[in-house]
N, C-alpha and C. Protein backbone atom coordinates (compact mmCIF):
# COMPACT_ATOMS: atom_id res chain seq x y z
N MET A 1 -26.02 -24.42 -54.90
CA MET A 1 -26.38 -24.16 -53.23
C MET A 1 -26.79 -25.81 -52.78
N GLU A 2 -25.49 -25.60 -51.74
CA GLU A 2 -25.79 -26.72 -50.57
C GLU A 2 -25.85 -26.05 -49.09
N ILE A 3 -26.32 -26.54 -48.76
CA ILE A 3 -26.66 -26.64 -47.01
C ILE A 3 -26.49 -27.49 -46.05
N ARG A 4 -25.32 -26.78 -45.00
CA ARG A 4 -25.34 -28.48 -44.30
C ARG A 4 -25.32 -28.01 -42.74
N ARG A 5 -26.20 -28.74 -41.34
CA ARG A 5 -26.50 -28.28 -40.82
C ARG A 5 -24.97 -28.67 -39.94
N ILE A 6 -24.00 -28.10 -39.22
CA ILE A 6 -22.81 -28.58 -38.76
C ILE A 6 -22.77 -28.90 -37.56
N SER A 7 -23.47 -28.07 -36.80
CA SER A 7 -24.32 -28.41 -35.29
C SER A 7 -25.58 -27.55 -34.92
N SER A 8 -26.02 -27.51 -33.54
CA SER A 8 -27.40 -27.24 -33.51
C SER A 8 -27.05 -25.38 -33.68
N ARG A 9 -25.96 -25.12 -33.46
CA ARG A 9 -25.66 -23.08 -33.63
C ARG A 9 -25.02 -22.90 -35.21
N ALA A 10 -24.56 -23.48 -35.90
CA ALA A 10 -23.99 -23.58 -37.13
C ALA A 10 -24.48 -23.99 -38.48
N ILE A 11 -24.54 -23.68 -39.45
CA ILE A 11 -24.53 -23.72 -40.30
C ILE A 11 -23.50 -23.54 -41.61
N SER A 12 -23.37 -24.25 -42.81
CA SER A 12 -22.72 -23.24 -43.36
C SER A 12 -23.82 -23.80 -45.26
N ILE A 13 -23.06 -22.58 -45.84
CA ILE A 13 -23.90 -22.76 -47.69
C ILE A 13 -22.76 -22.53 -48.28
N TYR A 14 -22.62 -23.10 -49.31
CA TYR A 14 -21.83 -23.73 -50.44
C TYR A 14 -22.45 -22.96 -51.15
N LEU A 15 -22.07 -21.36 -51.81
CA LEU A 15 -22.34 -21.22 -52.89
C LEU A 15 -21.16 -21.36 -54.49
N ASN A 16 -22.11 -21.85 -55.54
CA ASN A 16 -21.10 -22.02 -56.68
C ASN A 16 -21.14 -20.78 -57.32
N ALA A 17 -20.55 -20.82 -58.72
CA ALA A 17 -20.51 -19.71 -59.19
C ALA A 17 -21.59 -19.41 -59.67
N ALA A 18 -22.39 -20.07 -60.31
CA ALA A 18 -24.04 -20.05 -60.66
C ALA A 18 -24.96 -19.77 -59.93
N ASP A 19 -24.74 -20.09 -58.92
CA ASP A 19 -25.41 -19.90 -57.15
C ASP A 19 -24.98 -17.97 -56.76
N LEU A 20 -24.35 -17.78 -57.07
CA LEU A 20 -23.74 -16.10 -57.01
C LEU A 20 -24.27 -15.12 -57.92
N GLU A 21 -24.37 -16.00 -59.08
CA GLU A 21 -24.33 -14.71 -60.31
C GLU A 21 -26.24 -15.10 -60.28
N GLU A 22 -26.89 -16.09 -59.61
CA GLU A 22 -28.18 -15.91 -59.55
C GLU A 22 -28.83 -15.04 -58.69
N LEU A 23 -27.94 -15.11 -58.04
CA LEU A 23 -28.36 -13.95 -56.74
C LEU A 23 -27.70 -12.83 -56.85
N ASP A 24 -27.14 -12.58 -57.79
CA ASP A 24 -26.32 -11.38 -58.56
C ASP A 24 -25.51 -10.60 -57.44
N ILE A 25 -24.57 -11.55 -56.51
CA ILE A 25 -23.91 -11.29 -55.43
C ILE A 25 -22.45 -11.85 -55.67
N THR A 26 -21.35 -11.42 -55.28
CA THR A 26 -20.08 -11.74 -55.53
C THR A 26 -19.56 -11.49 -53.92
N TYR A 27 -18.08 -12.19 -53.92
CA TYR A 27 -17.66 -12.67 -52.57
C TYR A 27 -17.39 -10.89 -52.14
N ASP A 28 -17.00 -10.30 -52.92
CA ASP A 28 -16.36 -8.78 -52.77
C ASP A 28 -17.43 -8.37 -52.58
N SER A 29 -18.76 -7.87 -53.14
CA SER A 29 -19.81 -7.60 -52.83
C SER A 29 -20.56 -7.87 -51.52
N LEU A 30 -20.11 -8.70 -50.77
CA LEU A 30 -20.47 -9.34 -50.21
C LEU A 30 -20.11 -7.90 -48.64
N ASP A 31 -21.30 -7.28 -48.32
CA ASP A 31 -21.22 -5.93 -47.29
C ASP A 31 -22.78 -5.83 -46.73
N MET A 32 -22.68 -6.32 -45.38
CA MET A 32 -23.88 -6.12 -44.62
C MET A 32 -24.68 -4.94 -44.19
N ILE A 33 -23.71 -3.94 -44.99
CA ILE A 33 -24.51 -2.53 -44.30
C ILE A 33 -25.26 -1.88 -45.97
N CYS A 34 -24.72 -3.18 -47.07
CA CYS A 34 -25.46 -3.30 -48.50
C CYS A 34 -26.83 -3.73 -48.20
N PRO A 35 -28.36 -2.78 -48.26
CA PRO A 35 -29.55 -3.62 -47.92
C PRO A 35 -29.66 -5.05 -49.31
N HIS A 36 -29.00 -4.83 -50.39
CA HIS A 36 -28.80 -6.18 -50.88
C HIS A 36 -28.83 -7.59 -50.91
N THR A 37 -27.05 -7.16 -50.38
CA THR A 37 -26.65 -8.77 -49.37
C THR A 37 -27.63 -8.91 -48.15
N ARG A 38 -28.07 -8.00 -47.49
CA ARG A 38 -29.03 -8.37 -46.62
C ARG A 38 -29.95 -9.42 -46.48
N ASN A 39 -30.76 -8.91 -48.20
CA ASN A 39 -31.67 -9.40 -48.60
C ASN A 39 -31.20 -11.11 -49.48
N VAL A 40 -30.11 -10.74 -49.47
CA VAL A 40 -29.72 -12.39 -50.11
C VAL A 40 -29.53 -12.90 -48.92
N ILE A 41 -28.61 -12.37 -48.23
CA ILE A 41 -28.71 -13.15 -46.18
C ILE A 41 -29.87 -14.03 -46.01
N ARG A 42 -31.27 -12.94 -45.99
CA ARG A 42 -32.10 -13.35 -45.54
C ARG A 42 -33.01 -14.70 -46.43
N GLN A 43 -32.71 -14.64 -47.62
CA GLN A 43 -33.38 -15.68 -48.69
C GLN A 43 -32.29 -16.63 -48.56
N LEU A 44 -31.20 -16.64 -47.81
CA LEU A 44 -30.60 -17.63 -47.50
C LEU A 44 -30.82 -18.49 -45.89
N LEU A 45 -30.97 -17.66 -45.69
CA LEU A 45 -31.70 -18.39 -44.40
C LEU A 45 -32.97 -19.05 -43.96
N GLU A 46 -33.92 -18.49 -45.02
CA GLU A 46 -35.05 -19.34 -45.36
C GLU A 46 -34.92 -20.43 -46.29
N CYS A 47 -33.86 -20.20 -46.81
CA CYS A 47 -33.78 -22.41 -47.31
C CYS A 47 -33.22 -22.90 -46.20
N ALA A 48 -32.20 -22.06 -45.32
CA ALA A 48 -31.69 -23.15 -44.65
C ALA A 48 -32.70 -23.76 -43.36
N LEU A 49 -33.75 -22.82 -43.32
CA LEU A 49 -35.13 -23.19 -42.35
C LEU A 49 -35.69 -24.02 -42.89
N ALA A 50 -36.02 -24.08 -44.09
CA ALA A 50 -36.75 -25.06 -44.74
C ALA A 50 -35.96 -26.38 -45.02
N GLN A 51 -34.66 -26.36 -45.23
CA GLN A 51 -33.64 -27.53 -45.37
C GLN A 51 -33.11 -28.21 -44.40
N THR A 52 -32.85 -27.60 -43.58
CA THR A 52 -32.17 -27.71 -41.99
C THR A 52 -32.96 -27.68 -40.93
N GLY A 53 -33.60 -26.67 -40.96
CA GLY A 53 -34.52 -26.47 -39.67
C GLY A 53 -33.82 -25.41 -38.80
N PHE A 54 -32.76 -24.90 -39.50
CA PHE A 54 -31.64 -23.73 -38.50
C PHE A 54 -32.80 -22.63 -38.55
N ASP A 55 -32.92 -22.75 -37.21
CA ASP A 55 -34.17 -20.91 -37.01
C ASP A 55 -33.19 -19.90 -36.17
N PRO A 56 -32.44 -18.99 -36.93
CA PRO A 56 -31.69 -17.74 -35.64
C PRO A 56 -32.75 -17.00 -34.59
N GLY A 57 -34.22 -16.91 -35.52
CA GLY A 57 -35.00 -16.39 -34.60
C GLY A 57 -34.13 -14.81 -34.59
N GLU A 58 -34.14 -14.46 -33.38
CA GLU A 58 -34.12 -12.88 -33.02
C GLU A 58 -32.90 -12.79 -32.35
N GLN A 59 -31.98 -14.61 -32.45
CA GLN A 59 -30.47 -14.34 -31.76
C GLN A 59 -29.87 -13.53 -32.98
N HIS A 60 -28.84 -13.21 -32.16
CA HIS A 60 -27.57 -12.40 -33.12
C HIS A 60 -26.87 -13.77 -34.28
N LEU A 61 -26.49 -13.52 -35.48
CA LEU A 61 -25.33 -14.40 -36.06
C LEU A 61 -23.84 -13.75 -36.54
N LEU A 62 -22.75 -14.40 -36.22
CA LEU A 62 -21.87 -14.35 -36.98
C LEU A 62 -21.84 -14.58 -38.05
N ILE A 63 -21.34 -14.29 -39.35
CA ILE A 63 -21.76 -14.53 -40.31
C ILE A 63 -20.13 -14.61 -41.28
N GLU A 64 -19.85 -15.57 -41.50
CA GLU A 64 -18.50 -16.06 -42.35
C GLU A 64 -18.58 -15.69 -43.41
N ALA A 65 -17.70 -15.29 -44.22
CA ALA A 65 -17.44 -15.59 -45.98
C ALA A 65 -15.98 -16.02 -46.00
N TYR A 66 -16.08 -17.12 -46.72
CA TYR A 66 -14.41 -17.60 -47.48
C TYR A 66 -14.67 -17.82 -48.93
N PRO A 67 -13.71 -16.96 -49.57
CA PRO A 67 -14.02 -16.90 -51.10
C PRO A 67 -13.24 -18.25 -51.54
N LEU A 68 -13.93 -18.93 -52.55
CA LEU A 68 -13.38 -20.20 -53.13
C LEU A 68 -13.16 -20.47 -54.59
N GLU A 69 -12.43 -20.84 -55.33
CA GLU A 69 -11.85 -20.79 -56.77
C GLU A 69 -13.33 -20.93 -57.56
N ASP A 70 -14.27 -21.37 -56.96
CA ASP A 70 -15.43 -21.62 -57.74
C ASP A 70 -16.96 -21.21 -56.94
N GLY A 71 -16.38 -20.55 -56.18
CA GLY A 71 -17.61 -19.72 -55.49
C GLY A 71 -17.27 -19.21 -54.33
N CYS A 72 -17.93 -19.31 -53.08
CA CYS A 72 -17.79 -18.93 -51.84
C CYS A 72 -18.48 -20.30 -50.50
N LEU A 73 -18.28 -19.86 -49.72
CA LEU A 73 -18.60 -20.80 -48.46
C LEU A 73 -18.78 -19.61 -47.53
N LEU A 74 -20.24 -19.76 -47.52
CA LEU A 74 -20.83 -19.18 -45.79
C LEU A 74 -21.04 -19.52 -44.77
N LEU A 75 -20.42 -19.59 -43.11
CA LEU A 75 -20.62 -19.78 -42.38
C LEU A 75 -21.71 -18.83 -41.59
N PHE A 76 -22.66 -19.92 -41.09
CA PHE A 76 -23.34 -18.75 -40.00
C PHE A 76 -23.47 -19.70 -38.54
N THR A 77 -23.10 -18.99 -37.49
CA THR A 77 -23.03 -19.36 -36.49
C THR A 77 -24.16 -18.36 -35.10
N LEU A 78 -24.89 -18.60 -34.86
CA LEU A 78 -25.86 -17.94 -33.59
C LEU A 78 -24.78 -17.91 -32.53
N LYS A 79 -24.80 -16.53 -32.54
CA LYS A 79 -23.53 -15.62 -30.84
C LYS A 79 -24.38 -16.69 -29.71
N GLU A 80 -23.77 -16.74 -28.68
CA GLU A 80 -24.19 -16.84 -27.27
C GLU A 80 -24.94 -15.56 -27.08
N LYS A 81 -25.44 -16.09 -26.04
CA LYS A 81 -26.67 -14.86 -25.39
C LYS A 81 -25.66 -14.60 -24.45
N GLU A 82 -25.59 -12.99 -24.58
CA GLU A 82 -24.81 -12.08 -23.87
C GLU A 82 -25.54 -11.90 -22.88
N ASN A 83 -25.28 -12.09 -21.93
CA ASN A 83 -25.71 -10.91 -20.31
C ASN A 83 -25.68 -9.62 -20.85
N ARG A 84 -26.43 -8.60 -21.06
CA ARG A 84 -26.43 -7.40 -21.19
C ARG A 84 -26.55 -6.63 -19.57
N VAL A 85 -26.78 -6.96 -18.44
CA VAL A 85 -27.01 -6.71 -17.62
C VAL A 85 -25.86 -6.15 -17.16
N ALA A 86 -25.42 -5.24 -16.97
CA ALA A 86 -24.24 -4.41 -16.56
C ALA A 86 -23.74 -4.66 -14.97
N PRO A 87 -22.45 -5.18 -14.68
CA PRO A 87 -22.34 -5.42 -13.40
C PRO A 87 -23.03 -4.54 -12.42
N ALA A 88 -23.17 -4.35 -11.37
CA ALA A 88 -23.71 -3.29 -10.55
C ALA A 88 -22.92 -2.49 -10.15
N GLY A 89 -23.02 -1.28 -10.13
CA GLY A 89 -21.66 -0.35 -9.73
C GLY A 89 -22.30 -0.20 -8.54
N PRO A 90 -21.56 0.72 -8.30
CA PRO A 90 -21.92 0.41 -6.19
C PRO A 90 -22.72 2.11 -5.74
N THR A 91 -23.52 1.59 -5.11
CA THR A 91 -24.35 2.89 -4.69
C THR A 91 -23.43 3.35 -3.56
N LEU A 92 -23.35 4.61 -3.33
CA LEU A 92 -23.08 5.79 -1.95
C LEU A 92 -23.84 6.16 -1.44
N ILE A 93 -23.78 6.10 -0.51
CA ILE A 93 -24.90 6.87 0.73
C ILE A 93 -24.19 7.56 1.50
N LEU A 94 -24.22 9.26 2.05
CA LEU A 94 -23.60 9.44 2.75
C LEU A 94 -24.46 9.48 3.56
N PHE A 95 -23.92 9.57 4.96
CA PHE A 95 -24.43 10.32 6.35
C PHE A 95 -24.09 10.81 7.40
N SER A 96 -24.80 11.87 8.15
CA SER A 96 -24.22 12.88 8.83
C SER A 96 -23.83 12.07 10.38
N SER A 97 -24.55 10.90 10.33
CA SER A 97 -23.95 10.57 11.91
C SER A 97 -24.28 8.90 12.05
N PHE A 98 -22.74 8.37 13.03
CA PHE A 98 -23.46 7.20 13.19
C PHE A 98 -24.71 6.20 13.63
N ASP A 99 -25.33 7.06 13.98
CA ASP A 99 -26.46 6.47 14.25
C ASP A 99 -27.43 6.29 13.10
N ARG A 100 -27.65 7.79 12.32
CA ARG A 100 -28.35 7.47 11.27
C ARG A 100 -27.53 6.57 10.42
N LEU A 101 -26.80 5.89 10.28
CA LEU A 101 -25.82 5.13 9.29
C LEU A 101 -26.01 4.03 9.83
N CYS A 102 -26.63 3.56 11.53
CA CYS A 102 -26.71 1.75 12.03
C CYS A 102 -28.18 1.88 11.59
N GLN A 103 -29.31 3.07 11.66
CA GLN A 103 -30.82 2.95 11.29
C GLN A 103 -30.91 2.58 9.98
N ALA A 104 -30.10 3.36 9.33
CA ALA A 104 -30.27 2.53 7.84
C ALA A 104 -30.10 1.26 7.56
N CYS A 105 -29.09 0.64 8.11
CA CYS A 105 -28.18 -0.62 7.66
C CYS A 105 -29.84 -1.51 8.23
N HIS A 106 -30.24 -1.25 9.59
CA HIS A 106 -31.17 -2.05 9.93
C HIS A 106 -32.41 -2.29 9.08
N GLN A 107 -32.64 -1.02 8.23
CA GLN A 107 -33.88 -1.58 7.44
C GLN A 107 -33.71 -2.45 5.54
N LEU A 108 -32.42 -2.84 6.17
CA LEU A 108 -31.81 -3.82 5.04
C LEU A 108 -32.30 -5.31 5.46
N GLU A 109 -33.28 -6.02 4.42
CA GLU A 109 -34.02 -7.38 5.48
C GLU A 109 -31.90 -8.39 5.17
N GLU A 110 -31.90 -8.13 3.63
CA GLU A 110 -30.83 -9.11 3.89
C GLU A 110 -29.56 -7.79 3.21
N ALA A 111 -28.22 -7.94 3.90
CA ALA A 111 -27.01 -7.64 3.72
C ALA A 111 -26.24 -7.59 2.17
N PRO A 112 -26.34 -6.73 1.66
CA PRO A 112 -25.47 -7.06 0.08
C PRO A 112 -24.05 -6.98 0.67
N PRO A 113 -23.33 -6.78 -0.58
CA PRO A 113 -21.98 -6.47 -0.36
C PRO A 113 -21.73 -5.11 -0.08
N SER A 114 -20.62 -4.57 0.71
CA SER A 114 -20.71 -3.40 0.97
C SER A 114 -19.88 -3.18 1.51
N ALA A 115 -19.22 -1.94 1.87
CA ALA A 115 -17.77 -1.59 2.55
C ALA A 115 -18.22 0.40 3.45
N LEU A 116 -17.97 0.71 4.63
CA LEU A 116 -17.90 1.21 4.57
C LEU A 116 -16.85 2.56 5.06
N TYR A 117 -16.86 3.90 4.49
CA TYR A 117 -15.83 4.76 4.78
C TYR A 117 -15.86 5.83 5.30
N TRP A 118 -15.02 6.95 5.80
CA TRP A 118 -15.19 8.60 6.28
C TRP A 118 -14.35 9.06 5.70
N GLN A 119 -15.02 10.22 5.48
CA GLN A 119 -14.39 11.69 4.68
C GLN A 119 -15.65 12.59 5.50
N ASP A 120 -14.40 13.73 4.97
CA ASP A 120 -15.38 15.35 5.31
C ASP A 120 -16.56 14.96 6.46
N ASP A 121 -16.04 14.27 7.52
CA ASP A 121 -17.18 14.19 8.36
C ASP A 121 -18.74 13.67 8.03
N HIS A 122 -18.33 13.03 7.20
CA HIS A 122 -19.21 11.29 6.43
C HIS A 122 -18.91 10.32 7.00
N TYR A 123 -20.18 9.67 7.01
CA TYR A 123 -19.51 8.07 7.01
C TYR A 123 -20.32 8.06 5.54
N ILE A 124 -19.74 6.82 5.02
CA ILE A 124 -19.96 6.85 3.28
C ILE A 124 -19.89 4.93 3.28
N LEU A 125 -21.72 4.87 3.17
CA LEU A 125 -21.70 3.46 2.82
C LEU A 125 -21.67 2.78 1.14
N ALA A 126 -20.92 2.03 0.91
CA ALA A 126 -20.66 1.89 -0.22
C ALA A 126 -21.52 0.50 -0.70
N LEU A 127 -22.46 0.55 -1.38
CA LEU A 127 -23.09 -1.20 -1.63
C LEU A 127 -23.26 -1.28 -2.84
N TRP A 128 -23.16 -2.71 -3.06
CA TRP A 128 -22.70 -3.55 -4.14
C TRP A 128 -24.00 -4.35 -4.70
N SER A 129 -25.13 -3.67 -5.46
CA SER A 129 -26.45 -4.10 -5.72
C SER A 129 -27.26 -4.22 -6.52
N SER A 130 -27.95 -4.53 -7.53
CA SER A 130 -28.97 -4.12 -8.58
C SER A 130 -30.16 -3.66 -7.31
N LYS A 131 -30.43 -4.11 -6.06
CA LYS A 131 -31.60 -3.73 -5.31
C LYS A 131 -31.56 -2.04 -5.12
N ASP A 132 -32.68 -1.32 -5.20
CA ASP A 132 -33.07 0.06 -5.28
C ASP A 132 -32.92 0.14 -3.55
N PHE A 133 -32.11 1.07 -3.11
CA PHE A 133 -31.95 1.51 -2.08
C PHE A 133 -32.32 3.39 -1.37
N GLU A 134 -33.38 3.19 -2.53
CA GLU A 134 -33.78 4.63 -2.06
C GLU A 134 -34.85 4.86 -0.14
N PRO A 135 -35.08 3.52 -0.38
CA PRO A 135 -35.69 4.03 1.37
C PRO A 135 -34.71 4.16 2.21
N LEU A 136 -33.83 3.95 2.02
CA LEU A 136 -32.06 4.17 3.01
C LEU A 136 -31.82 6.44 2.81
N TYR A 137 -32.82 6.52 1.46
CA TYR A 137 -32.25 8.28 1.65
C TYR A 137 -32.81 8.71 2.47
N SER A 138 -33.64 8.11 3.47
CA SER A 138 -34.53 9.40 4.86
C SER A 138 -33.30 9.40 5.25
N PHE A 139 -32.59 8.67 5.50
CA PHE A 139 -31.22 8.52 6.88
C PHE A 139 -30.00 9.05 6.48
N GLY A 140 -29.77 9.17 4.84
CA GLY A 140 -28.77 9.78 4.24
C GLY A 140 -29.05 9.90 2.92
N TYR A 141 -27.93 10.42 2.45
CA TYR A 141 -28.37 11.34 1.12
C TYR A 141 -27.01 10.42 -0.21
N PRO A 142 -27.92 10.15 -1.63
CA PRO A 142 -26.88 9.13 -2.33
C PRO A 142 -25.79 10.86 -2.93
N ALA A 143 -24.67 9.41 -3.41
CA ALA A 143 -23.48 10.64 -3.68
C ALA A 143 -23.92 10.32 -5.45
N ALA A 144 -23.37 11.78 -5.79
CA ALA A 144 -23.87 12.45 -7.06
C ALA A 144 -22.94 11.54 -8.29
N ASP A 145 -21.98 11.46 -7.99
CA ASP A 145 -20.94 10.48 -8.89
C ASP A 145 -20.51 9.36 -7.97
N SER A 146 -21.14 8.16 -8.05
CA SER A 146 -20.81 7.49 -6.84
C SER A 146 -19.35 6.56 -7.22
N GLU A 147 -18.86 6.08 -9.00
CA GLU A 147 -17.97 5.19 -9.35
C GLU A 147 -16.54 6.73 -9.12
N LEU A 148 -16.73 7.74 -9.60
CA LEU A 148 -15.76 8.42 -9.15
C LEU A 148 -15.62 8.94 -7.58
N LEU A 149 -16.65 9.01 -6.37
CA LEU A 149 -15.94 9.28 -5.24
C LEU A 149 -15.64 7.73 -4.80
N LEU A 150 -16.09 6.51 -5.25
CA LEU A 150 -15.15 5.84 -5.02
C LEU A 150 -13.94 5.46 -4.87
N ALA A 151 -13.53 5.76 -5.85
CA ALA A 151 -12.13 6.33 -6.57
C ALA A 151 -10.91 6.89 -5.44
N GLU A 152 -12.00 8.14 -5.21
CA GLU A 152 -11.34 9.11 -4.28
C GLU A 152 -11.12 8.12 -3.03
N LEU A 153 -12.16 7.48 -2.53
CA LEU A 153 -12.18 6.93 -1.38
C LEU A 153 -11.18 6.51 -1.16
N GLN A 154 -10.79 5.43 -2.10
CA GLN A 154 -9.99 4.38 -2.18
C GLN A 154 -8.64 4.86 -2.23
N GLU A 155 -8.59 6.31 -2.97
CA GLU A 155 -7.01 6.66 -3.31
C GLU A 155 -6.86 7.01 -1.38
N LYS A 156 -7.53 7.63 -0.78
CA LYS A 156 -7.46 9.00 -0.23
C LYS A 156 -7.02 7.73 1.17
N ASP A 157 -7.42 6.29 1.14
CA ASP A 157 -7.63 5.36 1.93
C ASP A 157 -8.41 5.49 3.28
N CYS A 158 -9.42 6.00 3.13
CA CYS A 158 -10.82 6.52 4.33
C CYS A 158 -11.41 5.21 4.27
N LEU A 159 -10.93 3.84 4.43
CA LEU A 159 -11.70 2.41 4.90
C LEU A 159 -11.52 2.39 5.86
N LEU A 160 -12.75 2.45 7.02
CA LEU A 160 -13.07 1.89 7.96
C LEU A 160 -13.42 0.37 8.10
N LEU A 161 -14.64 -0.38 7.31
CA LEU A 161 -15.13 -1.45 6.92
C LEU A 161 -14.90 -1.97 6.19
N LYS A 162 -14.44 -2.78 5.81
CA LYS A 162 -13.42 -3.62 4.02
C LYS A 162 -14.53 -4.11 3.46
N GLU A 163 -15.50 -5.31 4.06
CA GLU A 163 -16.20 -6.56 3.50
C GLU A 163 -17.15 -6.16 4.16
N GLN A 164 -18.73 -6.56 4.00
CA GLN A 164 -19.70 -6.68 4.37
C GLN A 164 -20.41 -5.89 5.71
N ALA A 165 -19.97 -4.77 5.07
CA ALA A 165 -20.14 -3.46 6.66
C ALA A 165 -21.38 -3.60 7.11
N VAL A 166 -22.34 -3.62 6.11
CA VAL A 166 -23.56 -3.97 6.66
C VAL A 166 -23.93 -4.63 7.64
N ALA A 167 -23.82 -6.08 7.29
CA ALA A 167 -24.01 -7.30 7.81
C ALA A 167 -23.27 -6.87 9.68
N GLN A 168 -22.27 -6.56 9.72
CA GLN A 168 -21.11 -6.08 10.99
C GLN A 168 -21.99 -4.69 11.45
N LEU A 169 -22.09 -3.98 10.72
CA LEU A 169 -23.21 -3.07 11.75
C LEU A 169 -24.70 -3.56 12.31
N GLN A 170 -25.12 -4.27 11.44
CA GLN A 170 -26.20 -4.78 12.05
C GLN A 170 -26.27 -5.93 12.91
N GLN A 171 -25.13 -6.61 12.73
CA GLN A 171 -24.70 -7.38 13.97
C GLN A 171 -24.42 -6.80 15.35
N TRP A 172 -23.18 -5.63 15.06
CA TRP A 172 -22.71 -5.45 16.54
C TRP A 172 -23.60 -3.70 16.90
N PHE A 173 -24.10 -3.10 16.36
CA PHE A 173 -25.00 -2.09 17.06
C PHE A 173 -26.73 -2.19 16.52
């Protein structure tokens, strides 16, 4: 077995035929669903830690296996941490009057990205932010399916203020 540090994020492990036999594994039997394969990978990573200091910790690994005439080559690469927070979808709040809409806008200390729509006798404020807008619900009420309603509003061309609607309403009214 030969373990080499390729970079701070990757190592290679060369396993010859004798190593594969000792580990009771073949290139064709490598399958991460198989508990034996997972145990072998764990053993190999423990050896890599001892020899090179490579420690994936809780990070995800990309594991590649390449067959060779006299064994196989395994490459272990730390995957980049993904930003698992989904982009904030819109929060849509419906208001029955323009006064209630303006009162709600003045409750916000910072104006998030926003747009204003009109449909079915309601002003509809779309807010793009991960903030909690529950305090505004005393002035209006949240849409049940924001993304579907937003698509409908955009399709029907109900737009009143395209960008920074909250900031504009705070400034003008």
